[in-house]
Amino acid sequence: MNVSRVKLIETLQNAFPFNELDNDQVDYLVGKIKIVQFQTHKMIYFKGTPAQYLYLIFQGEVEILKEKNSSPFRLNTIRAQFTFGEDIFSNNRTRYTSARALSDVILIKIDHEIVTSLCEMNHAFKMDYRSLVDSYHNLCRKRENDSKNEETIFYIEDQHPILIISKIILSLITIFSLGIVIVSLFNSGLFSYLTLLWIGGVLAAAEAVWILWQYIDWKNHYFYFTDKRIIIRRRSYLAFETRQETHLAAIKSVQIQKSFIGRLFNFGNLDIKTFTGSMRLPLVPQIDCAQKMLNYLFGRSKKIQRDEERRSFEGNIRERLFDRQVEVKSEGDRLSNQEKINKNTSSKSDLEIRKLKEHDEVIFHKHWTILFAKIFIPISLLLGLVSLYLYLVINRLEISKNVPFTLVLSGCIVILFLWAAYRYSDWKNDVYIIADDHLVDLHRNPFGMEDKRSAPIENVQSIRYKKNGVLGLLLNFGTVFTRIGDEEFTFDNVHQPAKVQEMIFSTIEQFDQKHKNAQMLEQEERAVDWLDSYHQIMREKHNGKESGQSKDDRP
């Protein structure tokens, strides 16, 4: 496969971290690389094989596969101008994952020795690439379907280890101080040597458990960048789980803050300013690299959008210049064009999103545990009274024949049933709706007021969810928070909050894409009409000159 040198240089200069290289280094790299091509569904390499080459996608898409329970699953999706094959810098130079072409792909293949030489030539390239290698290993360990498989997870990282180190040091100082106090009490004769050993063992075990708990908690607090959004995830076992995300398109600026210790060890806080607020990533390691990656992803998404607009505009111009008849598009034609563009540019949707497209809205209720809490008392009393009545009737006790008693008991049963039915209706009438252009929070009392809140989907700036307590973690329910302006819009205690969050995000994507496509089509048609008018005027002017010349030539 022949690829022009100009295109190769352009691809390298637009790919991270090769955009750190100067012109001489890019020329050196272009002379060393190889171009390879794979057809759809062909394997590029397998897990366990030697890792000799790094790959940069020139054209097409590749999926990274990892085995789980002896069956492969998609770990990541890699697109044009992204790299894969970071195993070349693993300890044993062996592939941890497999790679397969999702479409016909053209790859730039770079030998391990060449990448090593570039790292020696350019320190910035070395640091950025090392961050990508660390991110790849983190992805292999942490992947839990936090992101849609169609997105490219570009960078994933834990908080800086200074956090866990400081906590361990502080706990050891505390235990050491307690040990000194306990030994002093032992020397004063307050308890025996056996008691001293017992207290020391308990403190040592408690310290070990606490350190293990803090380490697990630290490893479960991480962030990652995809080609569409930024996500922060934190989970504390038996306590809570939360995930916050924001769109790349919503970013206004990216700033870093470093303390004195942060400057020494190159970590700090990454503050992401959006149009309505901010999002903080605390204790980010290699923070300068993280900032460059985020700026690169933001610029890349803008460039992709501009390229799509230009290609569409050029297509419309060619359509007019080649004298193809262009009629005024009906609304149905507009929707058809939008669906065609969406099919090429947007990601595939899962079952829930297809349901959203088909029915225009999806309705959520609060988790069944909320219903259980509401009806527990009336149902318990109802079952108790029914059991009492059956017991009296079966045993033919005299009181069961007492008419006033039977009427009172029956009335209580009816009242409790109505109470339970009211509670159920109250739970059923509290709904959350995701429509194609807005979110709805509806609270309706069975015989009372109706409180309905709605928010346009286009105003959503960030989305996060949180699972609280042991029940929330075990039964997988929690609250989804959407930031809309200065207010928060909540879906309280819904089942699978991660899925709800994904659905809201996908709905926002679809709405934004349709809105952009509609604007783009309108602008294109206006510009092409101007060009049409220009050519028409020029033709009329040219025809006018010709007719004038023909008159002058007459005798």
Protein backbone atom coordinates (compact mmCIF):
# COMPACT_ATOMS: atom_id res chain seq x y z
CA MET A 1 0.00 0.00 0.00
CA ASN A 2 1.53 3.32 -1.13
CA VAL A 3 0.93 6.34 1.08
CA SER A 4 2.40 9.71 0.11
CA ARG A 5 5.16 11.13 2.27
CA VAL A 6 3.17 14.35 2.75
CA LYS A 7 0.21 12.40 4.17
CA LEU A 8 2.51 10.44 6.48
CA ILE A 9 4.09 13.60 7.84
CA GLU A 10 0.67 15.20 8.33
CA THR A 11 -0.60 12.12 10.22
CA LEU A 12 2.46 12.01 12.49
CA GLN A 13 2.26 15.72 13.27
CA ASN A 14 -1.42 15.34 14.23
CA ALA A 15 -0.92 12.21 16.39
CA PHE A 16 -0.01 12.21 20.08
CA PRO A 17 2.82 12.00 21.19
CA PHE A 18 4.49 12.27 17.77
CA ASN A 19 3.33 15.90 17.63
CA GLU A 20 6.16 16.58 20.12
CA LEU A 21 8.81 15.76 17.50
CA ASP A 22 10.60 18.47 15.51
CA ASN A 23 10.86 18.41 11.73
CA ASP A 24 14.20 16.59 11.65
CA GLN A 25 12.92 13.88 13.96
CA VAL A 26 9.75 13.48 11.89
CA ASP A 27 11.87 13.11 8.74
CA TYR A 28 13.99 10.50 10.52
CA LEU A 29 10.87 8.60 11.58
CA VAL A 30 9.26 8.70 8.11
CA GLY A 31 12.35 7.03 6.68
CA LYS A 32 12.15 4.17 9.18
CA ILE A 33 8.45 3.29 9.31
CA LYS A 34 6.58 0.63 7.36
CA ILE A 35 3.02 0.71 6.00
CA VAL A 36 0.86 -2.40 6.43
CA GLN A 37 -2.77 -3.11 5.60
CA PHE A 38 -5.33 -5.48 7.17
CA GLN A 39 -8.79 -6.37 6.00
CA THR A 40 -11.87 -6.28 8.21
CA HIS A 41 -11.87 -8.83 11.08
CA LYS A 42 -8.25 -9.87 10.41
CA MET A 43 -6.06 -10.33 13.47
CA ILE A 44 -3.12 -7.93 13.71
CA TYR A 45 -1.44 -9.72 16.61
CA PHE A 46 -2.36 -12.21 19.33
CA LYS A 47 -1.95 -12.24 23.08
CA GLY A 48 1.29 -13.91 24.18
CA THR A 49 3.22 -13.19 20.98
CA PRO A 50 6.45 -11.13 21.03
CA ALA A 51 5.90 -7.37 21.07
CA GLN A 52 8.21 -5.82 18.50
CA TYR A 53 6.19 -3.02 16.87
CA LEU A 54 4.16 0.01 17.87
CA TYR A 55 1.24 0.81 15.55
CA LEU A 56 -0.27 4.15 14.54
CA ILE A 57 -3.58 4.04 12.69
CA PHE A 58 -3.44 5.92 9.40
CA GLN A 59 -6.95 4.90 8.36
CA GLY A 60 -9.69 2.68 9.82
CA GLU A 61 -10.50 1.26 13.27
CA VAL A 62 -8.98 -1.47 15.45
CA GLU A 63 -10.34 -3.22 18.54
CA ILE A 64 -8.13 -4.33 21.43
CA LEU A 65 -9.25 -7.67 22.87
CA LYS A 66 -8.64 -9.22 26.26
CA GLU A 67 -9.65 -12.63 27.52
CA LYS A 68 -12.04 -13.00 30.43
CA ASN A 69 -13.21 -16.45 31.50
CA SER A 70 -11.61 -17.91 28.36
CA SER A 71 -13.63 -15.66 26.04
CA PRO A 72 -12.43 -12.40 24.42
CA PHE A 73 -14.10 -9.07 25.10
CA ARG A 74 -13.41 -5.64 23.69
CA LEU A 75 -11.05 -3.69 25.90
CA ASN A 76 -10.80 -0.60 23.74
CA THR A 77 -11.56 0.81 20.29
CA ILE A 78 -8.70 2.62 18.53
CA ARG A 79 -9.29 5.13 15.74
CA ALA A 80 -7.22 7.07 13.23
CA GLN A 81 -4.23 9.02 14.63
CA PHE A 82 -4.22 6.92 17.83
CA THR A 83 -1.53 4.39 18.72
CA PHE A 84 -1.73 0.83 20.06
CA GLY A 85 0.73 -1.95 20.84
CA GLU A 86 2.29 -0.31 23.91
CA ASP A 87 3.40 -3.77 25.11
CA ILE A 88 6.76 -3.11 23.39
CA PHE A 89 7.85 -1.45 26.65
CA SER A 90 6.60 -4.22 28.95
CA ASN A 91 9.14 -6.11 31.05
CA ASN A 92 9.10 -9.31 28.98
CA ARG A 93 8.16 -7.66 25.63
CA THR A 94 5.08 -9.90 25.28
CA ARG A 95 1.59 -8.93 24.15
CA TYR A 96 -0.92 -8.70 27.01
CA THR A 97 -3.84 -8.28 24.59
CA SER A 98 -4.85 -9.08 21.02
CA ALA A 99 -5.69 -6.63 18.22
CA ARG A 100 -8.19 -7.09 15.39
CA ALA A 101 -9.24 -4.84 12.51
CA LEU A 102 -12.80 -3.50 12.79
CA SER A 103 -12.62 -2.22 9.22
CA ASP A 104 -10.09 -2.19 6.41
CA VAL A 105 -7.16 -0.47 8.09
CA ILE A 106 -3.87 1.08 7.03
CA LEU A 107 -1.30 1.04 9.82
CA ILE A 108 2.03 2.75 10.36
CA LYS A 109 4.33 0.14 11.91
CA ILE A 110 7.20 1.44 14.04
CA ASP A 111 9.95 -0.81 15.38
CA HIS A 112 10.76 -0.86 19.09
CA GLU A 113 14.30 0.34 18.44
CA ILE A 114 13.02 3.36 16.52
CA VAL A 115 10.70 4.36 19.37
CA THR A 116 13.60 3.96 21.83
CA SER A 117 15.77 6.22 19.65
CA LEU A 118 13.05 8.87 19.55
CA CYS A 119 12.78 8.74 23.36
CA GLU A 120 16.52 9.41 23.57
CA MET A 121 16.29 12.29 21.09
CA ASN A 122 13.24 14.03 22.60
CA HIS A 123 12.58 14.13 26.35
CA ALA A 124 9.03 15.47 25.98
CA PHE A 125 8.18 12.61 23.61
CA LYS A 126 9.66 10.13 26.10
CA MET A 127 7.60 11.43 29.04
CA ASP A 128 4.37 11.56 27.03
CA TYR A 129 4.86 8.08 25.62
CA ARG A 130 5.70 6.66 29.05
CA SER A 131 2.39 8.09 30.29
CA LEU A 132 0.57 6.28 27.46
CA VAL A 133 2.33 3.01 28.35
CA ASP A 134 1.32 3.37 32.01
CA SER A 135 -2.21 4.18 30.88
CA TYR A 136 -2.34 1.02 28.76
CA HIS A 137 -1.34 -1.17 31.72
CA ASN A 138 -3.90 0.59 33.93
CA LEU A 139 -6.56 -0.07 31.31
CA CYS A 140 -5.72 -3.78 31.24
CA ARG A 141 -6.19 -3.94 35.03
CA LYS A 142 -9.17 -1.64 35.50
CA ARG A 143 -11.47 -2.11 32.52
CA GLU A 144 -15.01 -2.66 33.92
CA ASN A 145 -17.21 -1.36 31.10
CA ASP A 146 -17.05 2.17 32.52
CA SER A 147 -17.15 3.55 29.03
CA LYS A 148 -19.01 2.56 25.91
CA ASN A 149 -17.00 0.15 23.79
CA GLU A 150 -17.32 2.49 20.80
CA GLU A 151 -15.33 5.21 22.56
CA THR A 152 -11.55 5.29 22.56
CA ILE A 153 -10.13 5.32 26.08
CA PHE A 154 -7.09 7.48 25.48
CA TYR A 155 -5.68 7.88 29.00
CA ILE A 156 -6.48 6.31 32.38
CA GLU A 157 -4.61 6.94 35.62
CA ASP A 158 -4.80 6.68 39.42
CA GLN A 159 -4.18 9.51 41.82
CA HIS A 160 -0.54 10.11 42.70
CA PRO A 161 0.79 7.57 45.28
CA ILE A 162 1.75 10.46 47.56
CA LEU A 163 -1.82 10.23 48.87
CA ILE A 164 -1.60 6.63 50.08
CA ILE A 165 2.00 7.09 51.26
CA SER A 166 1.05 10.06 53.45
CA LYS A 167 -1.87 8.14 54.94
CA ILE A 168 0.32 5.12 55.72
CA ILE A 169 3.01 7.28 57.32
CA LEU A 170 0.42 9.09 59.45
CA SER A 171 -1.13 5.80 60.60
CA LEU A 172 2.28 4.33 61.46
CA ILE A 173 3.12 7.40 63.53
CA THR A 174 -0.21 7.02 65.36
CA ILE A 175 0.38 3.31 66.04
CA PHE A 176 3.93 3.98 67.18
CA SER A 177 2.69 6.65 69.62
CA LEU A 178 0.03 4.27 70.97
CA GLY A 179 2.71 1.59 71.34
CA ILE A 180 4.84 3.89 73.45
CA VAL A 181 1.87 4.65 75.72
CA ILE A 182 0.98 0.95 76.06
CA VAL A 183 4.56 -0.04 76.86
CA SER A 184 4.72 2.73 79.48
CA LEU A 185 1.54 1.38 81.07
CA PHE A 186 3.00 -2.12 81.02
CA ASN A 187 6.19 -0.92 82.74
CA SER A 188 4.08 0.67 85.45
CA GLY A 189 2.53 -2.74 86.14
CA LEU A 190 -1.05 -2.05 85.04
CA PHE A 191 -1.32 -5.30 83.02
CA SER A 192 0.60 -8.48 82.36
CA TYR A 193 3.01 -9.39 79.56
CA LEU A 194 0.38 -11.63 77.97
CA THR A 195 -2.05 -8.70 77.87
CA LEU A 196 0.66 -6.57 76.27
CA LEU A 197 1.13 -9.14 73.52
CA TRP A 198 -2.61 -9.37 72.98
CA ILE A 199 -3.00 -5.56 72.69
CA GLY A 200 0.02 -5.36 70.38
CA GLY A 201 -1.38 -8.09 68.13
CA VAL A 202 -4.76 -6.39 67.90
CA LEU A 203 -3.16 -3.04 67.01
CA ALA A 204 -0.89 -4.64 64.39
CA ALA A 205 -3.83 -6.48 62.80
CA ALA A 206 -5.95 -3.32 62.82
CA GLU A 207 -3.10 -1.37 61.19
CA ALA A 208 -2.64 -4.01 58.48
CA VAL A 209 -6.38 -4.07 57.69
CA TRP A 210 -6.52 -0.26 57.62
CA ILE A 211 -3.54 0.00 55.25
CA LEU A 212 -5.07 -2.65 52.95
CA TRP A 213 -8.41 -0.83 52.99
CA GLN A 214 -6.76 2.50 52.16
CA TYR A 215 -4.76 0.93 49.32
CA ILE A 216 -7.90 -0.60 47.77
CA ASP A 217 -9.73 2.71 48.17
CA TRP A 218 -6.84 4.53 46.46
CA LYS A 219 -6.78 2.09 43.52
CA ASN A 220 -10.55 2.54 43.07
CA HIS A 221 -10.26 6.31 42.66
CA TYR A 222 -9.13 7.10 39.14
CA PHE A 223 -9.96 9.16 36.07
CA TYR A 224 -9.80 8.68 32.34
CA PHE A 225 -10.08 10.59 29.08
CA THR A 226 -11.93 9.25 26.05
CA ASP A 227 -12.23 10.82 22.62
CA LYS A 228 -15.57 12.33 23.75
CA ARG A 229 -15.54 12.97 27.50
CA ILE A 230 -13.68 13.12 30.81
CA ILE A 231 -14.69 10.68 33.56
CA ILE A 232 -13.83 10.50 37.28
CA ARG A 233 -14.69 7.28 39.07
CA ARG A 234 -14.45 6.51 42.79
CA ARG A 235 -15.59 3.49 44.72
CA SER A 236 -15.32 2.70 48.42
CA TYR A 237 -16.31 -0.85 49.30
CA LEU A 238 -19.46 -1.10 51.43
CA ALA A 239 -19.72 2.70 51.47
CA PHE A 240 -20.40 4.38 48.11
CA GLU A 241 -19.66 4.49 44.39
CA THR A 242 -19.67 7.61 42.26
CA ARG A 243 -18.81 8.62 38.71
CA GLN A 244 -18.71 12.11 37.24
CA GLU A 245 -18.25 13.03 33.60
CA THR A 246 -18.27 16.03 31.32
CA HIS A 247 -18.11 16.51 27.54
CA LEU A 248 -14.98 17.59 25.75
CA ALA A 249 -17.18 20.10 23.91
CA ALA A 250 -18.11 21.74 27.23
CA ILE A 251 -14.49 22.55 28.14
CA LYS A 252 -13.61 26.21 28.32
CA SER A 253 -10.07 26.01 29.73
CA VAL A 254 -7.69 23.61 31.48
CA GLN A 255 -5.47 24.77 34.34
CA ILE A 256 -2.99 23.03 36.63
CA GLN A 257 -2.18 23.78 40.26
CA LYS A 258 0.97 22.46 41.94
CA SER A 259 2.08 22.74 45.54
CA PHE A 260 5.76 22.82 46.53
CA ILE A 261 5.78 19.04 46.93
CA GLY A 262 3.82 18.72 43.71
CA ARG A 263 6.52 20.62 41.83
CA LEU A 264 9.16 18.27 43.25
CA PHE A 265 7.30 15.08 42.24
CA ASN A 266 5.40 16.48 39.22
CA PHE A 267 1.80 16.08 40.37
CA GLY A 268 -1.03 18.47 41.10
CA ASN A 269 -4.68 19.30 40.58
CA LEU A 270 -6.14 19.58 37.10
CA ASP A 271 -8.96 22.15 37.04
CA ILE A 272 -11.25 21.88 34.02
CA LYS A 273 -13.41 24.95 33.52
CA THR A 274 -16.68 24.50 31.68
CA PHE A 275 -19.26 27.08 30.66
CA THR A 276 -21.22 26.63 33.89
CA GLY A 277 -18.72 25.44 36.48
CA SER A 278 -15.57 23.43 37.03
CA MET A 279 -14.41 19.85 37.42
CA ARG A 280 -11.31 19.02 39.49
CA LEU A 281 -9.04 16.03 39.04
CA PRO A 282 -7.00 15.90 42.28
CA LEU A 283 -3.40 14.67 42.64
CA VAL A 284 -2.85 13.89 38.96
CA PRO A 285 0.58 12.27 38.33
CA GLN A 286 2.63 13.60 35.41
CA ILE A 287 0.19 16.45 35.34
CA ASP A 288 1.92 18.33 32.51
CA CYS A 289 1.46 15.30 30.24
CA ALA A 290 -2.17 14.95 31.31
CA GLN A 291 -2.84 18.58 30.45
CA LYS A 292 -1.25 18.16 27.01
CA MET A 293 -3.33 15.04 26.36
CA LEU A 294 -6.54 16.82 27.28
CA ASN A 295 -5.71 19.80 25.08
CA TYR A 296 -4.86 17.40 22.25
CA LEU A 297 -8.18 15.55 22.54
CA PHE A 298 -10.10 18.83 22.67
CA GLY A 299 -8.33 20.15 19.57
CA ARG A 300 -8.76 16.83 17.77
CA SER A 301 -12.54 16.78 18.33
CA LYS A 302 -12.82 20.33 16.97
CA LYS A 303 -10.72 19.44 13.92
CA ILE A 304 -12.83 16.35 13.17
CA GLN A 305 -15.98 18.46 13.32
CA ARG A 306 -14.51 21.09 10.95
CA ASP A 307 -13.35 18.40 8.51
CA GLU A 308 -16.81 16.85 8.42
CA GLU A 309 -18.39 20.22 7.74
CA ARG A 310 -15.90 20.94 4.96
CA ARG A 311 -16.46 17.56 3.27
CA SER A 312 -20.21 18.01 3.38
CA PHE A 313 -19.90 21.54 1.99
CA GLU A 314 -17.61 20.38 -0.82
CA GLY A 315 -20.09 17.65 -1.72
CA ASN A 316 -22.89 20.18 -2.08
CA ILE A 317 -20.73 22.45 -4.23
CA ARG A 318 -19.77 19.58 -6.55
CA GLU A 319 -23.43 18.68 -6.82
CA ARG A 320 -24.23 22.18 -8.11
CA LEU A 321 -21.12 22.61 -10.28
CA PHE A 322 -21.84 19.40 -12.18
CA ASP A 323 -25.33 20.70 -13.00
CA ARG A 324 -27.19 18.15 -10.92
CA GLN A 325 -30.70 19.19 -10.28
CA VAL A 326 -31.08 20.29 -6.69
CA GLU A 327 -34.54 20.66 -5.30
CA VAL A 328 -35.52 22.29 -2.08
CA LYS A 329 -35.27 19.56 0.51
CA SER A 330 -38.35 18.70 2.48
CA GLU A 331 -38.19 18.06 6.18
CA GLY A 332 -38.11 14.36 5.48
CA ASP A 333 -35.05 14.85 3.23
CA ARG A 334 -33.33 16.76 6.02
CA LEU A 335 -33.95 14.00 8.50
CA SER A 336 -32.70 11.45 5.99
CA ASN A 337 -29.46 13.39 5.51
CA GLN A 338 -29.02 13.74 9.24
CA GLU A 339 -29.49 10.02 9.78
CA LYS A 340 -26.91 9.30 7.07
CA ILE A 341 -24.37 11.59 8.71
CA ASN A 342 -25.18 10.23 12.17
CA LYS A 343 -24.61 6.72 10.87
CA ASN A 344 -21.10 7.65 9.75
CA THR A 345 -20.07 9.87 12.65
CA SER A 346 -21.86 8.75 15.77
CA SER A 347 -21.19 5.60 17.75
CA LYS A 348 -23.30 2.48 17.68
CA SER A 349 -25.93 2.33 20.36
CA ASP A 350 -26.80 -0.36 22.79
CA LEU A 351 -30.24 -1.87 23.39
CA GLU A 352 -31.42 0.92 25.66
CA ILE A 353 -30.45 3.61 23.18
CA ARG A 354 -32.25 1.84 20.34
CA LYS A 355 -35.29 1.74 22.57
CA LEU A 356 -34.91 5.48 23.08
CA LYS A 357 -34.83 6.09 19.34
CA GLU A 358 -37.86 3.93 18.70
CA HIS A 359 -40.11 5.30 21.41
CA ASP A 360 -38.73 8.86 21.76
CA GLU A 361 -38.56 8.55 25.54
CA VAL A 362 -37.59 6.13 28.29
CA ILE A 363 -39.31 6.12 31.68
CA PHE A 364 -37.57 5.22 34.94
CA HIS A 365 -39.04 4.58 38.37
CA LYS A 366 -37.32 4.57 41.72
CA HIS A 367 -35.78 1.29 42.80
CA TRP A 368 -38.03 -1.44 44.18
CA THR A 369 -36.41 -1.06 47.61
CA ILE A 370 -38.04 2.38 47.83
CA LEU A 371 -41.40 0.74 47.07
CA PHE A 372 -40.69 -1.93 49.67
CA ALA A 373 -39.97 0.72 52.31
CA LYS A 374 -43.20 2.54 51.46
CA ILE A 375 -45.54 -0.48 51.64
CA PHE A 376 -43.77 -2.52 54.33
CA ILE A 377 -45.86 -1.24 57.27
CA PRO A 378 -49.34 -1.39 55.63
CA ILE A 379 -48.65 -4.77 54.01
CA SER A 380 -47.28 -6.20 57.26
CA LEU A 381 -50.33 -5.02 59.22
CA LEU A 382 -52.63 -6.21 56.44
CA LEU A 383 -51.09 -9.69 56.40
CA GLY A 384 -51.26 -9.77 60.19
CA LEU A 385 -54.98 -8.95 60.28
CA VAL A 386 -55.80 -11.38 57.47
CA SER A 387 -53.87 -14.11 59.27
CA LEU A 388 -55.70 -13.30 62.50
CA TYR A 389 -59.09 -13.50 60.77
CA LEU A 390 -58.22 -16.82 59.12
CA TYR A 391 -56.99 -18.21 62.43
CA LEU A 392 -60.23 -17.26 64.17
CA VAL A 393 -62.39 -18.72 61.39
CA ILE A 394 -60.43 -21.97 61.05
CA ASN A 395 -60.46 -22.59 64.79
CA ARG A 396 -64.16 -21.57 65.01
CA LEU A 397 -63.60 -19.26 67.94
CA GLU A 398 -66.64 -17.52 69.29
CA ILE A 399 -65.34 -14.03 68.60
CA SER A 400 -65.24 -14.74 64.87
CA LYS A 401 -69.05 -14.88 64.93
CA ASN A 402 -69.30 -11.43 66.53
CA VAL A 403 -70.69 -9.16 63.82
CA PRO A 404 -69.33 -5.83 65.18
CA PHE A 405 -65.86 -7.38 65.60
CA THR A 406 -66.00 -8.81 62.07
CA LEU A 407 -67.07 -5.44 60.63
CA VAL A 408 -64.28 -3.58 62.46
CA LEU A 409 -61.70 -6.17 61.36
CA SER A 410 -62.93 -6.05 57.76
CA GLY A 411 -62.85 -2.26 57.80
CA CYS A 412 -59.25 -2.28 59.06
CA ILE A 413 -58.29 -4.73 56.32
CA VAL A 414 -59.88 -2.51 53.67
CA ILE A 415 -58.18 0.60 55.08
CA LEU A 416 -54.78 -1.11 55.14
CA PHE A 417 -55.26 -2.35 51.59
CA LEU A 418 -56.16 1.16 50.42
CA TRP A 419 -53.13 2.52 52.32
CA ALA A 420 -50.83 0.04 50.57
CA ALA A 421 -52.44 0.81 47.21
CA TYR A 422 -51.95 4.54 47.84
CA ARG A 423 -48.26 4.00 48.68
CA TYR A 424 -47.80 1.90 45.53
CA SER A 425 -49.54 4.51 43.39
CA ASP A 426 -47.37 7.21 44.95
CA TRP A 427 -44.24 5.23 44.02
CA LYS A 428 -45.56 4.45 40.53
CA ASN A 429 -46.38 8.09 39.82
CA ASP A 430 -42.84 9.28 40.61
CA VAL A 431 -41.15 8.95 37.23
CA TYR A 432 -38.04 10.17 35.47
CA ILE A 433 -38.13 10.55 31.70
CA ILE A 434 -35.35 10.82 29.14
CA ALA A 435 -36.81 12.24 25.93
CA ASP A 436 -34.96 13.08 22.72
CA ASP A 437 -34.63 16.78 23.62
CA HIS A 438 -35.33 17.13 27.36
CA LEU A 439 -35.28 15.48 30.79
CA VAL A 440 -38.37 15.26 33.02
CA ASP A 441 -38.70 14.76 36.78
CA LEU A 442 -42.39 14.11 37.59
CA HIS A 443 -43.77 13.75 41.12
CA ARG A 444 -47.52 13.21 41.30
CA ASN A 445 -49.49 12.50 44.47
CA PRO A 446 -52.45 10.14 43.86
CA PHE A 447 -54.97 12.67 45.18
CA GLY A 448 -52.80 15.74 45.45
CA MET A 449 -50.49 18.10 43.65
CA GLU A 450 -48.35 17.32 40.61
CA ASP A 451 -44.79 18.65 40.54
CA LYS A 452 -43.13 18.49 37.14
CA ARG A 453 -39.63 19.71 36.35
CA SER A 454 -38.09 19.61 32.90
CA ALA A 455 -34.75 20.67 31.49
CA PRO A 456 -33.56 20.96 27.88
CA ILE A 457 -31.01 18.27 27.03
CA GLU A 458 -28.83 20.87 25.29
CA ASN A 459 -28.18 22.66 28.62
CA VAL A 460 -26.65 19.63 30.37
CA GLN A 461 -22.98 20.35 31.16
CA SER A 462 -21.90 17.41 33.33
CA ILE A 463 -23.30 14.10 34.57
CA ARG A 464 -22.40 12.01 37.61
CA TYR A 465 -23.95 9.28 39.69
CA LYS A 466 -23.51 8.03 43.22
CA LYS A 467 -24.43 4.79 44.97
CA ASN A 468 -24.73 5.12 48.73
CA GLY A 469 -24.37 2.41 51.36
CA VAL A 470 -24.20 -1.35 51.23
CA LEU A 471 -27.69 -1.74 49.74
CA GLY A 472 -26.96 0.70 46.94
CA LEU A 473 -23.78 -1.16 46.01
CA LEU A 474 -25.23 -4.67 46.32
CA LEU A 475 -28.55 -3.96 44.60
CA ASN A 476 -27.04 -1.51 42.09
CA PHE A 477 -29.15 1.62 42.58
CA GLY A 478 -28.29 5.24 43.21
CA THR A 479 -28.83 8.84 42.17
CA VAL A 480 -27.85 10.41 38.85
CA PHE A 481 -26.94 14.11 39.00
CA THR A 482 -26.97 16.33 35.90
CA ARG A 483 -25.55 19.83 36.11
CA ILE A 484 -27.79 22.29 34.23
CA GLY A 485 -26.65 25.86 34.62
CA ASP A 486 -26.34 26.64 38.32
CA GLU A 487 -28.75 23.88 39.36
CA GLU A 488 -28.63 20.10 39.65
CA PHE A 489 -31.28 17.88 38.11
CA THR A 490 -31.50 14.50 39.88
CA PHE A 491 -32.86 11.05 39.12
CA ASP A 492 -33.17 9.71 42.66
CA ASN A 493 -32.62 6.06 43.60
CA VAL A 494 -32.89 4.62 40.08
CA HIS A 495 -31.79 1.10 39.14
CA GLN A 496 -28.43 0.81 37.33
CA PRO A 497 -27.46 4.49 37.58
CA ALA A 498 -24.42 3.88 35.34
CA LYS A 499 -26.76 2.80 32.53
CA VAL A 500 -28.98 5.85 33.10
CA GLN A 501 -25.90 8.07 32.96
CA GLU A 502 -24.79 6.45 29.70
CA MET A 503 -28.27 6.90 28.24
CA ILE A 504 -28.36 10.60 29.10
CA PHE A 505 -24.91 11.06 27.60
CA SER A 506 -25.90 9.24 24.40
CA THR A 507 -29.09 11.29 24.13
CA ILE A 508 -27.05 14.48 24.45
CA GLU A 509 -24.73 13.25 21.70
CA GLN A 510 -27.63 12.50 19.38
CA PHE A 511 -29.30 15.84 20.07
CA ASP A 512 -26.08 17.79 19.53
CA GLN A 513 -25.36 15.90 16.32
CA LYS A 514 -28.84 16.55 14.92
CA HIS A 515 -28.63 20.22 15.89
CA LYS A 516 -25.19 20.62 14.30
CA ASN A 517 -26.27 18.76 11.18
CA ALA A 518 -29.37 20.94 10.78
CA GLN A 519 -27.29 24.11 11.16
CA MET A 520 -24.62 22.79 8.83
CA LEU A 521 -27.14 21.86 6.12
CA GLU A 522 -28.80 25.25 6.37
CA GLN A 523 -25.48 27.10 6.09
CA GLU A 524 -24.33 24.89 3.23
CA GLU A 525 -27.51 25.41 1.26
CA ARG A 526 -27.28 29.17 1.77
CA ALA A 527 -23.64 29.25 0.67
CA VAL A 528 -24.29 27.02 -2.34
CA ASP A 529 -27.25 29.22 -3.32
CA TRP A 530 -24.89 32.20 -3.24
CA LEU A 531 -22.44 30.33 -5.47
CA ASP A 532 -25.30 29.35 -7.78
CA SER A 533 -26.38 32.98 -8.00
CA TYR A 534 -22.80 34.05 -8.69
CA HIS A 535 -22.43 31.54 -11.55
CA GLN A 536 -25.83 32.54 -12.94
CA ILE A 537 -24.82 36.22 -12.96
CA MET A 538 -21.49 35.38 -14.58
CA ARG A 539 -23.25 33.32 -17.27
CA GLU A 540 -25.70 36.15 -17.96
CA LYS A 541 -22.85 38.61 -18.16
CA HIS A 542 -20.94 36.31 -20.51
CA ASN A 543 -24.03 35.81 -22.70
CA GLY A 544 -24.59 39.55 -22.76
CA LYS A 545 -21.08 40.17 -24.03
CA GLU A 546 -21.47 37.56 -26.75
CA SER A 547 -24.76 39.06 -27.96
CA GLY A 548 -23.13 42.52 -28.03
CA GLN A 549 -20.25 41.27 -30.11
CA SER A 550 -22.59 39.58 -32.57
CA LYS A 551 -24.44 42.87 -33.12
CA ASP A 552 -21.18 44.72 -33.78
CA ASP A 553 -20.18 42.15 -36.38
CA ARG A 554 -23.31 42.75 -38.46
CA PRO A 555 -22.77 44.89 -41.63
